[in-house]
Protein backbone atom coordinates (compact mmCIF):
# COMPACT_ATOMS: atom_id res chain seq x y z
CA MET A 1 -115.24 -3.13 -36.78
CA LEU A 2 -115.95 -5.63 -39.09
CA ARG A 3 -114.15 -9.35 -38.84
CA SER A 4 -113.66 -12.23 -41.34
CA PRO A 5 -116.00 -15.40 -40.33
CA LYS A 6 -113.11 -17.21 -39.97
CA LEU A 7 -111.29 -14.86 -37.34
CA LEU A 8 -114.99 -14.61 -35.44
CA SER A 9 -114.85 -18.68 -35.65
CA LEU A 10 -111.60 -18.57 -33.83
CA MET A 11 -112.26 -15.71 -31.29
CA ALA A 12 -115.38 -17.39 -29.96
CA CYS A 13 -113.04 -20.09 -28.87
CA SER A 14 -111.93 -17.39 -26.80
CA LEU A 15 -115.21 -17.30 -24.54
CA LEU A 16 -114.95 -21.29 -24.00
CA ALA A 17 -111.43 -21.28 -23.15
CA PHE A 18 -111.44 -19.03 -20.48
CA SER A 19 -114.97 -19.81 -19.07
CA GLY A 20 -113.94 -23.59 -18.27
CA CYS A 21 -116.19 -25.38 -21.11
CA GLY A 22 -113.48 -25.40 -23.81
CA ARG A 23 -112.11 -28.25 -25.90
CA GLN A 24 -111.74 -31.03 -23.63
CA ALA A 25 -107.94 -31.94 -23.75
CA ALA A 26 -106.63 -35.11 -25.05
CA PRO A 27 -106.36 -38.24 -23.47
CA GLY A 28 -103.44 -38.32 -20.84
CA ASN A 29 -103.44 -34.59 -20.92
CA ALA A 30 -106.54 -34.19 -19.01
CA GLN A 31 -107.10 -30.61 -17.80
CA ALA A 32 -107.25 -30.24 -13.61
CA PRO A 33 -109.91 -28.78 -12.19
CA ARG A 34 -110.66 -25.03 -12.14
CA ASP A 35 -110.08 -24.84 -8.40
CA ALA A 36 -106.85 -26.76 -8.53
CA MET A 37 -105.17 -24.43 -10.98
CA PRO A 38 -102.93 -22.16 -9.20
CA THR A 39 -103.35 -18.47 -10.11
CA ALA A 40 -100.18 -17.19 -11.86
CA THR A 41 -98.36 -14.85 -9.67
CA SER A 42 -99.74 -11.29 -10.08
CA LEU A 43 -97.11 -8.67 -11.62
CA GLU A 44 -97.78 -6.22 -8.79
CA SER A 45 -97.13 -9.04 -6.10
CA ALA A 46 -94.10 -10.26 -8.04
CA ALA A 47 -92.27 -6.95 -8.87
CA LEU A 48 -88.84 -6.01 -7.63
CA PRO A 49 -88.19 -4.19 -4.57
CA PRO A 50 -86.68 -0.68 -5.34
CA SER A 51 -83.37 -1.62 -4.93
CA ALA A 52 -83.52 -4.24 -7.85
CA GLU A 53 -85.03 -2.14 -9.86
CA LEU A 54 -84.20 -2.20 -13.88
CA PRO A 55 -81.03 0.20 -14.09
CA ALA A 56 -80.70 3.18 -16.54
CA MET A 57 -79.58 1.43 -19.67
CA ALA A 58 -76.68 4.22 -20.67
CA SER A 59 -75.87 5.51 -17.67
CA GLU A 60 -76.23 3.37 -14.66
CA PRO A 61 -74.87 -0.02 -15.33
CA SER A 62 -75.34 -2.99 -12.75
CA ALA A 63 -73.06 -2.92 -9.94
CA ARG A 64 -72.54 -6.81 -10.28
CA PRO A 65 -72.22 -9.36 -12.99
CA MET A 66 -75.90 -10.67 -13.71
CA LEU A 67 -75.00 -14.59 -12.65
CA ALA A 68 -78.03 -16.89 -13.37
CA VAL A 69 -78.03 -18.31 -9.94
CA ASP A 70 -78.02 -14.42 -8.56
CA ALA A 71 -80.76 -13.18 -11.16
CA GLU A 72 -83.23 -16.34 -9.51
CA SER A 73 -82.49 -15.54 -5.97
CA GLU A 74 -83.32 -11.95 -6.67
CA SER A 75 -86.65 -12.31 -7.92
CA GLY A 76 -87.48 -15.24 -6.10
CA MET A 77 -87.94 -17.71 -8.59
CA ALA A 78 -85.85 -20.78 -8.07
CA ALA A 79 -85.54 -21.94 -12.01
CA VAL A 80 -84.41 -25.52 -11.80
CA ASP A 81 -86.44 -28.05 -14.22
CA SER A 82 -85.64 -31.56 -12.97
CA ASP A 83 -87.34 -33.31 -15.86
CA LEU A 84 -85.02 -33.17 -18.36
CA GLY A 85 -85.79 -35.25 -21.36
CA THR A 86 -83.15 -37.19 -23.51
CA GLY A 87 -84.37 -36.08 -27.17
CA PRO A 88 -84.17 -36.26 -29.80
CA GLY A 89 -87.02 -38.47 -30.86
CA GLN A 90 -87.12 -40.09 -27.19
CA GLY A 91 -89.61 -37.56 -25.30
CA GLY A 92 -88.39 -34.92 -23.02
CA ASP A 93 -86.81 -32.39 -24.67
CA ARG A 94 -85.68 -32.38 -28.37
CA PHE A 95 -83.15 -31.34 -29.71
CA ASP A 96 -82.08 -31.45 -33.72
CA GLU A 97 -78.92 -33.58 -34.55
CA ILE A 98 -75.78 -31.41 -35.13
CA VAL A 99 -73.06 -33.18 -37.60
CA GLU A 100 -70.08 -30.82 -36.87
CA ASN A 101 -68.78 -29.46 -39.60
CA ALA A 102 -65.80 -30.93 -40.77
CA PHE A 103 -62.80 -30.08 -42.80
CA LEU A 104 -63.14 -29.38 -46.98
CA ARG A 105 -60.16 -29.36 -49.05
CA VAL A 106 -60.46 -26.01 -51.14
CA GLY A 107 -59.50 -27.82 -54.19
CA GLU A 108 -62.92 -29.78 -54.05
CA HIS A 109 -65.06 -27.38 -52.04
CA PRO A 110 -63.69 -23.61 -53.01
CA LEU A 111 -67.14 -22.21 -51.71
CA SER A 112 -68.54 -21.96 -48.48
CA THR A 113 -72.21 -20.85 -48.41
CA PHE A 114 -74.53 -20.00 -45.52
CA SER A 115 -77.35 -18.15 -43.87
CA ILE A 116 -76.68 -15.68 -40.95
CA ASP A 117 -78.38 -16.36 -37.51
CA VAL A 118 -78.92 -14.40 -34.42
CA ASP A 119 -80.52 -16.57 -32.48
CA THR A 120 -79.08 -17.00 -28.53
CA ALA A 121 -81.20 -19.71 -27.11
CA SER A 122 -78.65 -22.55 -27.24
CA TYR A 123 -76.56 -19.94 -24.53
CA SER A 124 -79.38 -19.80 -22.38
CA LYS A 125 -80.38 -23.47 -22.34
CA ILE A 126 -76.42 -24.15 -21.35
CA ARG A 127 -76.50 -21.90 -19.05
CA GLN A 128 -79.45 -23.52 -16.94
CA PHE A 129 -77.96 -27.09 -17.72
CA LEU A 130 -74.76 -25.74 -15.74
CA LEU A 131 -75.86 -23.25 -12.79
CA ASN A 132 -79.29 -24.21 -12.31
CA ASN A 133 -79.32 -27.89 -13.48
CA HIS A 134 -75.68 -28.68 -12.28
CA ARG A 135 -75.18 -31.02 -15.12
CA LEU A 136 -73.37 -30.74 -18.69
CA PRO A 137 -75.76 -30.10 -21.74
CA ARG A 138 -76.04 -32.95 -24.01
CA ALA A 139 -73.80 -32.23 -27.30
CA ASP A 140 -77.18 -31.17 -29.55
CA ALA A 141 -77.74 -28.66 -27.16
CA VAL A 142 -74.92 -26.77 -27.85
CA ARG A 143 -74.86 -24.56 -31.40
CA ILE A 144 -71.93 -23.09 -31.08
CA GLU A 145 -72.93 -19.97 -33.30
CA GLU A 146 -75.71 -19.00 -30.83
CA LEU A 147 -73.12 -19.05 -27.73
CA VAL A 148 -70.82 -16.98 -30.10
CA ASN A 149 -73.77 -14.57 -30.92
CA TYR A 150 -74.82 -14.10 -27.47
CA PHE A 151 -72.68 -11.67 -26.78
CA ASP A 152 -72.44 -7.92 -28.28
CA TYR A 153 -69.01 -7.03 -29.68
CA ASP A 154 -67.56 -3.72 -29.67
CA TYR A 155 -67.75 -3.61 -34.03
CA ALA A 156 -67.92 -0.14 -35.70
CA GLY A 157 -71.72 0.39 -37.02
CA PRO A 158 -72.22 1.82 -40.35
CA SER A 159 -71.28 5.49 -40.21
CA GLU A 160 -74.00 8.21 -40.58
CA ASP A 161 -73.22 8.89 -44.42
CA GLN A 162 -73.59 5.10 -45.18
CA SER A 163 -76.62 3.99 -46.59
CA GLU A 164 -76.19 0.27 -45.44
CA PRO A 165 -77.95 -1.21 -42.63
CA PHE A 166 -75.19 -2.51 -41.18
CA ALA A 167 -70.89 -2.76 -41.53
CA THR A 168 -68.95 -5.88 -41.96
CA HIS A 169 -65.46 -6.44 -40.94
CA VAL A 170 -62.98 -9.57 -41.25
CA ALA A 171 -59.86 -10.20 -39.47
CA VAL A 172 -57.19 -12.62 -39.47
CA SER A 173 -55.29 -14.29 -36.65
CA GLN A 174 -53.54 -17.53 -35.91
CA CYS A 175 -55.64 -20.08 -34.50
CA PRO A 176 -55.40 -20.39 -30.41
CA TRP A 177 -56.28 -24.14 -30.34
CA ASN A 178 -53.99 -25.23 -32.96
CA THR A 179 -51.00 -22.54 -33.89
CA GLU A 180 -50.28 -24.07 -37.03
CA HIS A 181 -53.98 -23.18 -38.28
CA ARG A 182 -55.06 -19.54 -39.02
CA LEU A 183 -58.73 -18.35 -37.58
CA THR A 184 -60.70 -15.90 -39.41
CA ARG A 185 -63.70 -13.77 -38.19
CA ILE A 186 -66.35 -12.39 -39.94
CA ALA A 187 -68.14 -9.61 -38.22
CA ILE A 188 -71.18 -7.74 -39.00
CA LYS A 189 -72.90 -4.77 -36.78
CA GLY A 190 -76.00 -3.49 -37.53
CA ARG A 191 -77.20 -0.03 -37.57
CA THR A 192 -78.23 1.15 -34.12
CA MET A 193 -81.81 2.53 -33.56
CA GLN A 194 -82.98 5.12 -30.80
CA THR A 195 -86.18 4.12 -29.46
CA ASP A 196 -88.05 7.29 -30.66
CA ALA A 197 -87.04 6.44 -34.61
CA ARG A 198 -88.72 3.06 -34.11
CA PRO A 199 -91.35 2.19 -36.09
CA PRO A 200 -95.07 1.89 -34.88
CA SER A 201 -95.48 -2.18 -33.63
CA ASN A 202 -98.48 -4.32 -34.32
CA LEU A 203 -97.57 -6.88 -31.70
CA VAL A 204 -99.24 -10.03 -30.61
CA PHE A 205 -98.27 -11.91 -27.28
CA LEU A 206 -99.33 -15.96 -28.48
CA ILE A 207 -98.71 -17.42 -24.50
CA ASP A 208 -99.10 -20.99 -23.74
CA SER A 209 -100.99 -21.02 -20.93
CA SER A 210 -100.84 -25.15 -20.40
CA GLY A 211 -100.52 -26.64 -17.27
CA SER A 212 -96.88 -27.16 -17.73
CA MET A 213 -96.51 -23.55 -17.55
CA ASN A 214 -97.15 -23.68 -13.76
CA ARG A 215 -94.01 -23.51 -12.36
CA PRO A 216 -92.35 -20.27 -10.88
CA ASN A 217 -89.63 -19.93 -14.05
CA ARG A 218 -92.12 -19.85 -16.64
CA LEU A 219 -95.73 -18.12 -16.81
CA PRO A 220 -95.05 -15.65 -13.79
CA LEU A 221 -91.32 -15.28 -15.38
CA LEU A 222 -92.70 -14.67 -18.64
CA GLN A 223 -95.69 -12.13 -17.18
CA ARG A 224 -92.77 -10.25 -15.66
CA ALA A 225 -90.98 -10.16 -18.79
CA LEU A 226 -93.85 -9.01 -20.63
CA ALA A 227 -94.66 -5.96 -17.92
CA LEU A 228 -90.76 -5.17 -18.94
CA LEU A 229 -91.07 -4.92 -22.59
CA LEU A 230 -94.64 -3.16 -22.15
CA LYS A 231 -92.21 -0.03 -20.44
CA GLN A 232 -90.54 0.05 -23.56
CA LEU A 233 -93.53 0.58 -25.98
CA ASN A 234 -95.11 4.17 -26.91
CA GLN A 235 -98.46 5.26 -28.01
CA ARG A 236 -97.62 4.50 -31.68
CA ASP A 237 -97.65 0.62 -30.65
CA ARG A 238 -100.27 -1.66 -30.18
CA VAL A 239 -101.00 -4.99 -28.26
CA ALA A 240 -102.90 -8.12 -28.38
CA VAL A 241 -102.87 -10.95 -26.13
CA VAL A 242 -103.72 -14.53 -27.25
CA ALA A 243 -103.66 -17.63 -25.17
CA TYR A 244 -104.08 -21.46 -25.56
CA ALA A 245 -104.02 -24.55 -23.75
CA GLY A 246 -106.76 -27.02 -24.44
CA SER A 247 -108.49 -24.38 -26.71
CA ALA A 248 -107.29 -20.99 -28.12
CA GLY A 249 -108.86 -17.82 -26.92
CA LEU A 250 -108.11 -14.01 -27.26
CA VAL A 251 -107.73 -12.66 -23.87
CA LEU A 252 -107.20 -9.03 -25.02
CA ASP A 253 -107.83 -7.54 -28.79
CA SER A 254 -105.34 -5.13 -30.10
CA THR A 255 -104.95 -2.30 -27.57
CA PRO A 256 -102.74 0.82 -27.44
CA ALA A 257 -99.32 0.20 -25.51
CA SER A 258 -100.40 3.82 -23.38
CA GLU A 259 -103.09 1.53 -22.01
CA ALA A 260 -100.78 -0.16 -20.10
CA ASP A 261 -102.83 -1.32 -17.21
CA THR A 262 -105.39 -2.57 -19.19
CA ILE A 263 -102.95 -4.79 -20.96
CA LEU A 264 -100.93 -5.69 -18.00
CA THR A 265 -104.48 -6.82 -16.13
CA SER A 266 -105.05 -9.23 -18.96
CA LEU A 267 -101.90 -10.80 -18.52
CA ASN A 268 -102.82 -10.99 -14.61
CA ARG A 269 -105.83 -13.23 -15.64
CA LEU A 270 -103.78 -15.87 -17.09
CA LYS A 271 -104.01 -19.59 -15.10
CA ALA A 272 -102.31 -22.30 -15.86
CA GLY A 273 -104.00 -25.44 -16.85
CA GLY A 274 -104.85 -28.27 -19.98
CA SER A 275 -102.95 -29.14 -22.60
CA THR A 276 -101.37 -27.37 -25.49
CA ASN A 277 -103.13 -26.48 -28.57
CA GLY A 278 -100.51 -24.14 -30.06
CA GLY A 279 -101.73 -24.46 -33.79
CA GLU A 280 -105.23 -23.01 -33.07
CA GLY A 281 -103.62 -20.08 -31.31
CA LEU A 282 -101.06 -19.42 -33.87
CA GLU A 283 -104.04 -19.19 -36.24
CA LEU A 284 -105.79 -16.70 -34.12
CA ALA A 285 -102.82 -14.98 -33.30
CA TYR A 286 -101.92 -14.72 -37.10
CA ALA A 287 -105.55 -13.51 -37.69
CA ILE A 288 -105.69 -10.87 -35.17
CA ALA A 289 -102.07 -9.52 -36.30
CA ARG A 290 -103.48 -9.55 -39.97
CA GLU A 291 -106.59 -7.19 -39.02
CA HIS A 292 -104.55 -4.70 -37.43
CA PHE A 293 -101.50 -4.63 -40.07
CA VAL A 294 -99.54 -1.36 -39.73
CA GLU A 295 -98.10 -0.37 -42.87
CA SER A 296 -94.33 0.56 -42.96
CA GLY A 297 -94.33 -0.62 -39.23
CA THR A 298 -93.36 -3.73 -37.28
CA ASN A 299 -95.77 -6.72 -37.61
CA ARG A 300 -94.91 -9.48 -35.05
CA ILE A 301 -96.20 -12.15 -32.76
CA LEU A 302 -94.06 -12.92 -29.73
CA LEU A 303 -95.01 -16.65 -29.29
CA CYS A 304 -94.01 -17.72 -25.84
CA THR A 305 -93.93 -21.49 -24.70
CA ASP A 306 -92.16 -23.92 -22.72
CA GLY A 307 -92.98 -27.01 -24.67
CA ASP A 308 -94.50 -28.62 -27.58
CA PHE A 309 -97.76 -28.02 -29.95
CA ASN A 310 -99.24 -31.58 -28.77
CA VAL A 311 -103.01 -31.01 -29.64
CA GLY A 312 -104.58 -29.62 -32.47
CA ARG A 313 -102.09 -28.83 -35.59
CA THR A 314 -99.05 -30.67 -34.44
CA GLY A 315 -96.78 -31.71 -37.53
CA THR A 316 -93.72 -29.56 -37.88
CA ASP A 317 -94.37 -29.26 -41.65
CA GLN A 318 -97.80 -27.58 -41.16
CA MET A 319 -96.47 -25.11 -38.86
CA LEU A 320 -93.43 -24.56 -40.82
CA ASP A 321 -96.05 -23.69 -43.99
CA LEU A 322 -98.42 -21.28 -41.73
CA VAL A 323 -95.06 -19.11 -40.45
CA GLU A 324 -93.43 -19.34 -43.90
CA ARG A 325 -96.53 -17.80 -45.63
CA GLU A 326 -97.47 -15.24 -43.16
CA SER A 327 -94.23 -14.18 -42.83
CA LYS A 328 -94.35 -13.49 -46.72
CA GLY A 329 -96.97 -11.41 -45.93
CA GLY A 330 -94.87 -9.19 -43.97
CA ILE A 331 -95.80 -10.72 -40.34
CA GLU A 332 -92.71 -12.04 -38.32
CA LEU A 333 -92.43 -14.46 -35.75
CA THR A 334 -90.25 -14.23 -32.54
CA VAL A 335 -90.05 -17.34 -30.21
CA LEU A 336 -89.38 -16.80 -26.20
CA GLY A 337 -88.82 -20.35 -24.96
CA LEU A 338 -89.24 -20.81 -21.10
CA GLY A 339 -88.45 -23.97 -18.89
CA MET A 340 -87.21 -27.56 -19.74
CA GLY A 341 -88.40 -30.97 -19.49
CA ASN A 342 -90.50 -31.06 -22.85
CA PHE A 343 -89.14 -28.54 -24.90
CA ASN A 344 -89.12 -28.61 -28.47
CA ASP A 345 -86.32 -26.65 -29.35
CA ALA A 346 -85.83 -28.47 -33.16
CA MET A 347 -88.96 -27.23 -33.94
CA LEU A 348 -89.07 -23.83 -32.40
CA GLU A 349 -85.53 -22.84 -33.79
CA GLN A 350 -86.97 -23.89 -37.37
CA ILE A 351 -90.24 -22.14 -36.60
CA SER A 352 -88.69 -18.50 -35.94
CA GLY A 353 -86.36 -19.06 -38.87
CA ARG A 354 -89.16 -19.59 -41.31
CA GLY A 355 -90.66 -16.71 -39.75
CA ASN A 356 -88.39 -14.35 -40.19
CA GLY A 357 -87.35 -13.70 -36.52
CA ASN A 358 -85.43 -14.66 -33.56
CA TYR A 359 -85.32 -16.99 -30.97
CA ALA A 360 -84.21 -16.81 -27.33
CA PHE A 361 -84.68 -18.79 -24.12
CA ILE A 362 -85.70 -16.90 -20.91
CA ASP A 363 -84.14 -18.52 -17.83
CA THR A 364 -84.22 -15.52 -15.60
CA TYR A 365 -85.24 -11.96 -15.24
CA ASN A 366 -81.97 -10.67 -16.15
CA GLU A 367 -82.33 -12.56 -19.62
CA ALA A 368 -85.78 -10.94 -19.91
CA ARG A 369 -84.25 -7.48 -19.47
CA LYS A 370 -81.58 -8.67 -21.85
CA VAL A 371 -83.97 -9.40 -24.65
CA LEU A 372 -86.69 -7.19 -24.26
CA VAL A 373 -84.98 -4.01 -22.99
CA GLN A 374 -81.20 -3.93 -23.80
CA GLN A 375 -81.77 -5.46 -27.18
CA LEU A 376 -85.69 -4.42 -27.85
CA SER A 377 -84.89 -2.84 -31.20
CA GLY A 378 -83.30 -5.54 -32.39
CA THR A 379 -85.93 -7.78 -31.26
CA LEU A 380 -88.81 -6.03 -32.66
CA VAL A 381 -87.34 -4.33 -35.90
CA THR A 382 -85.50 -5.68 -38.85
CA ILE A 383 -82.89 -3.76 -40.53
CA ALA A 384 -81.52 -6.57 -43.61
CA LYS A 385 -83.31 -9.68 -44.48
CA ASP A 386 -82.26 -13.19 -46.28
CA VAL A 387 -78.50 -12.05 -44.80
CA LYS A 388 -76.00 -14.53 -46.86
CA ILE A 389 -72.36 -15.03 -46.63
CA GLN A 390 -70.44 -16.85 -49.34
CA VAL A 391 -66.77 -17.06 -49.06
CA GLU A 392 -64.14 -18.13 -51.48
CA PHE A 393 -60.93 -19.34 -50.85
CA ASN A 394 -57.54 -19.29 -52.65
CA PRO A 395 -56.29 -22.78 -53.16
CA GLN A 396 -52.87 -20.77 -53.42
CA GLU A 397 -53.14 -19.93 -49.99
CA VAL A 398 -55.63 -22.43 -48.29
CA ALA A 399 -55.57 -26.10 -48.26
CA ALA A 400 -58.89 -26.41 -46.54
CA TYR A 401 -61.26 -24.55 -43.67
CA ARG A 402 -63.93 -25.63 -41.46
CA LEU A 403 -67.02 -23.19 -40.85
CA ILE A 404 -67.54 -23.04 -36.80
CA GLY A 405 -70.87 -23.73 -36.18
CA TYR A 406 -73.97 -22.79 -38.51
CA GLU A 407 -74.64 -26.45 -39.47
CA ASN A 408 -78.16 -25.97 -39.63
CA ARG A 409 -77.66 -23.18 -41.78
CA ILE A 410 -75.48 -24.28 -44.48
CA LEU A 411 -76.91 -23.35 -48.04
CA GLN A 412 -75.79 -24.60 -51.53
CA SER A 413 -73.52 -22.62 -53.27
CA GLN A 414 -76.39 -21.68 -56.09
CA ASP A 415 -78.60 -20.50 -53.06
CA PHE A 416 -76.28 -17.48 -52.83
CA ASN A 417 -77.06 -15.72 -56.04
CA ASP A 418 -81.24 -16.97 -55.62
CA ASP A 419 -83.16 -14.10 -54.49
CA LYS A 420 -85.90 -16.53 -53.53
CA LYS A 421 -83.93 -18.62 -51.25
CA ASP A 422 -84.70 -17.45 -47.77
CA ALA A 423 -81.96 -16.89 -45.14
CA GLY A 424 -81.51 -14.97 -41.63
CA GLU A 425 -82.59 -11.70 -40.67
CA ILE A 426 -80.57 -8.61 -39.06
CA GLY A 427 -82.51 -6.41 -36.48
CA ALA A 428 -81.20 -2.97 -35.33
CA GLY A 429 -78.08 -3.04 -33.23
CA HIS A 430 -77.38 -7.11 -33.89
CA SER A 431 -74.06 -8.01 -34.15
CA VAL A 432 -72.84 -11.14 -35.81
CA THR A 433 -69.66 -13.50 -35.57
CA ALA A 434 -69.06 -16.29 -37.83
CA LEU A 435 -65.62 -18.33 -37.63
CA TYR A 436 -63.67 -20.26 -40.09
CA GLU A 437 -60.50 -22.18 -38.96
CA ILE A 438 -58.13 -22.28 -42.08
CA VAL A 439 -55.05 -25.11 -42.74
CA PRO A 440 -52.92 -22.98 -44.77
CA ARG A 441 -50.84 -24.39 -47.33
CA GLY A 442 -47.65 -26.47 -46.35
CA ALA A 443 -49.34 -27.11 -42.77
CA SER A 444 -48.32 -30.31 -41.60
CA THR A 445 -51.88 -31.10 -40.78
CA VAL A 446 -52.71 -31.19 -44.65
CA ASP A 447 -52.02 -34.93 -45.28
CA ALA A 448 -54.27 -36.07 -42.12
CA LEU A 449 -57.41 -34.00 -43.98
CA ALA A 450 -60.03 -36.73 -45.66
CA SER A 451 -59.78 -36.26 -48.98
CA THR A 452 -61.57 -38.11 -52.31
CA ASP A 453 -59.84 -40.27 -55.03
CA GLU A 454 -58.64 -38.42 -58.28
CA LEU A 455 -61.31 -38.20 -61.07
CA LYS A 456 -61.44 -40.16 -63.92
CA TYR A 457 -63.07 -37.93 -66.50
CA GLN A 458 -61.68 -34.54 -65.27
CA THR A 459 -59.01 -33.00 -63.61
CA PRO A 460 -59.49 -29.66 -61.01
CA GLY A 461 -59.30 -26.44 -63.04
CA GLU A 462 -56.26 -24.63 -63.05
CA PRO A 463 -55.79 -21.40 -61.01
CA SER A 464 -56.68 -18.16 -62.51
CA SER A 465 -54.43 -15.00 -62.32
CA ALA A 466 -56.09 -13.75 -59.31
CA ALA A 467 -54.62 -16.68 -57.35
CA GLU A 468 -51.43 -14.88 -57.07
CA SER A 469 -52.58 -11.71 -55.88
CA GLY A 470 -51.70 -13.06 -52.31
CA GLU A 471 -55.22 -12.49 -50.98
CA LEU A 472 -56.38 -15.38 -48.67
CA LEU A 473 -60.13 -15.59 -49.62
CA THR A 474 -63.33 -13.24 -50.67
CA VAL A 475 -66.05 -12.51 -48.77
CA LYS A 476 -69.43 -11.99 -50.49
CA LEU A 477 -72.79 -10.76 -48.85
CA ARG A 478 -76.27 -10.59 -50.07
CA TYR A 479 -79.22 -9.02 -48.00
CA LYS A 480 -82.33 -7.45 -48.78
CA ARG A 481 -83.70 -4.30 -47.46
CA PRO A 482 -87.31 -4.75 -45.49
CA GLY A 483 -89.87 -4.71 -48.11
CA GLU A 484 -87.67 -5.18 -51.37
CA GLN A 485 -87.48 -8.47 -53.02
CA ASP A 486 -84.05 -7.68 -55.02
CA SER A 487 -80.77 -8.25 -52.89
CA VAL A 488 -77.97 -6.20 -52.57
CA LEU A 489 -74.17 -7.63 -52.91
CA GLN A 490 -71.11 -6.51 -50.98
CA GLN A 491 -67.60 -8.20 -51.67
CA TRP A 492 -64.29 -7.94 -49.82
CA ALA A 493 -61.07 -9.26 -50.36
CA VAL A 494 -58.82 -10.52 -47.89
CA ARG A 495 -55.25 -10.78 -46.81
CA ASP A 496 -53.56 -12.36 -43.87
CA SER A 497 -51.52 -9.95 -42.02
CA GLN A 498 -49.75 -12.92 -40.41
CA GLN A 499 -50.70 -11.67 -36.80
CA THR A 500 -50.52 -13.67 -33.73
CA PHE A 501 -53.89 -14.48 -31.61
CA ALA A 502 -51.87 -12.22 -29.03
CA GLN A 503 -52.06 -9.55 -31.09
CA ALA A 504 -56.01 -10.20 -32.30
CA ASP A 505 -58.04 -7.53 -30.68
CA ARG A 506 -59.92 -8.13 -27.62
CA GLU A 507 -63.18 -9.14 -29.38
CA PHE A 508 -61.43 -11.69 -31.61
CA GLN A 509 -60.19 -13.44 -28.34
CA PHE A 510 -63.49 -13.17 -26.79
CA ALA A 511 -65.25 -14.53 -29.52
CA SER A 512 -62.84 -17.17 -29.86
CA ALA A 513 -62.88 -18.57 -26.18
CA VAL A 514 -66.45 -18.67 -26.64
CA ALA A 515 -66.37 -20.93 -29.96
CA GLY A 516 -63.68 -23.10 -27.99
CA PHE A 517 -65.98 -23.58 -24.86
CA GLY A 518 -68.43 -24.80 -27.20
CA MET A 519 -66.44 -27.29 -28.93
CA LEU A 520 -65.19 -28.61 -26.08
CA LEU A 521 -68.92 -28.97 -24.55
CA ARG A 522 -69.31 -30.88 -27.58
CA ASP A 523 -66.17 -32.90 -26.92
CA SER A 524 -65.07 -32.00 -30.58
CA PRO A 525 -62.25 -33.61 -32.38
CA HIS A 526 -61.29 -29.89 -33.69
CA ALA A 527 -60.69 -28.51 -30.16
CA GLY A 528 -57.15 -29.15 -30.51
CA ASN A 529 -54.83 -28.54 -27.59
CA TRP A 530 -57.13 -26.23 -25.99
CA THR A 531 -58.79 -27.03 -22.35
CA LEU A 532 -61.52 -25.44 -19.97
CA ASP A 533 -58.75 -23.82 -18.32
CA SER A 534 -57.24 -22.07 -21.82
CA VAL A 535 -60.88 -21.04 -22.39
CA GLN A 536 -61.04 -19.27 -19.20
CA GLU A 537 -57.63 -17.79 -19.33
CA VAL A 538 -58.29 -16.09 -22.56
CA ALA A 539 -62.13 -15.20 -21.70
CA GLU A 540 -60.46 -13.42 -18.11
CA SER A 541 -58.21 -11.30 -20.42
CA ALA A 542 -60.78 -10.13 -22.60
CA LEU A 543 -63.18 -9.06 -20.72
CA GLY A 544 -63.06 -5.49 -21.48
CA ASP A 545 -66.43 -2.92 -20.48
CA ASP A 546 -68.54 -5.58 -19.40
CA PRO A 547 -71.18 -3.02 -17.72
CA TRP A 548 -73.90 -6.02 -17.66
CA GLY A 549 -72.00 -8.76 -16.35
CA LEU A 550 -72.25 -11.17 -19.37
CA ARG A 551 -68.97 -11.81 -20.14
CA GLN A 552 -67.85 -12.49 -16.44
CA GLU A 553 -71.03 -14.75 -16.25
CA PHE A 554 -69.17 -16.68 -19.28
CA VAL A 555 -66.13 -17.14 -16.84
CA GLU A 556 -68.42 -18.48 -14.46
CA LEU A 557 -69.84 -20.88 -16.99
CA VAL A 558 -66.64 -22.00 -17.94
CA ALA A 559 -65.64 -22.63 -14.60
CA THR A 560 -68.84 -24.98 -13.29
CA ALA A 561 -68.44 -26.81 -16.73
CA ARG A 562 -64.51 -27.62 -15.21
CA VAL A 563 -65.77 -28.92 -12.31
CA LEU A 564 -68.81 -30.85 -13.78
CA LYS A 565 -66.32 -32.53 -16.08
CA SER A 566 -63.79 -33.42 -13.65
CA SER A 567 -66.34 -35.09 -12.07
CA HIS A 568 -67.12 -37.36 -14.40
């Protein structure tokens, strides 16, 4: 097989990286002697006992809630990271600052536009803060949309005779934390995909094997997680393994997934040691993915890391440029984060977004099962690209509104019709939920809302005749089908049925409880009269069918946060 000179040059590093003669680590990150590097736990010795094997997905749900503490005990891995940083910009863990969305007056801001988001990393990090580290998360670690979208909801998907890749549902109810306000839920449910219908995959596992990965809840947990993924692949799929530490190296060239033993052996060879050359590893991973590109299939890199790219191509802008360029060429990027302490959450969130992928945080074996087994098709297969939502509010019905979460997904109004503007992707079977808190006209809280001075040179436009329709708002949605450049437009006019929160469906109530939990963790001024007791009461009443115990686990998080807050 012919290879480009650049690819051959990159692959040559593999001989150096795994012979102990690779590039020297940067000062301050000296590589430990080889005999001091512990070998990662082998997949065979780390296997679960027969009683803890993965249950059948459809008919044999777990017999107990998947609480993080139980999961770690079951797998023998205590996932406690005691060296949590203070970020952003201060070393340790780094999170982008979140400036919470404020209420906007409809007369001044009639349109709200944002990109959808199916990332879930924030929820897993919060779980690790609460259950494993017994401390409240910092506010900037709490991305409310990722908390809400962590859960699967019982939304109806598109029917068999519909050509759309997803179905959209809009509902309005009383707002539970401020009963004078209204709460609007926009829900999207992607078309599900059977395993045998999934297109062939060209996957590259890009694995951080630096010294910091030498902890039970990092490299050994990752090896077991990827073993789970391999069991879901078939003879049409291919897997390559690239590792990076002091230097980047090709551990295994692209290999049919049916040769699982060969792939597992290559994963077992990985040892944690050295510093982190993420840039070089990423370039090599893309080169391998391009060489084995599958037309009309899934071409994806799975970046698995516990920290920062602190050697080699370190600039976030350069990383983002590389990832965005490759994503436009059809190679997508999924990020699987592990561990905490020197975790660059800010960059990994951006890099997955630019890579047209998703971002999950693997803190337990059960989380690996959720992301790489239960949600495999959604993790690997994109069914809609550049999905954008724009809501127009009727000034005759709505005085002001606030989008809950999605702070780093806000778009300009003109971006909605710009098909060159990047936005979020939806995977097969994914559900997406967005919530707006609405202040109706005439509410007593209107006068307390911030406003601008009256304009000197113009006055606000007169409402159109449509404003008298009684419609509350209009939801517009744009998306692209994979491989297409032109977007498809959908829109719905929405009326308020004036239902109370008690009359809202169970999924509405549970999503509201999760959003309220996020606001309380952030000490949001918009949490109204809700408390963690209120959140727990609503969540417990809206558990419904919970075969994997995820909603029950959420109740556990709320109870833990209540104890921690009371001790402050």
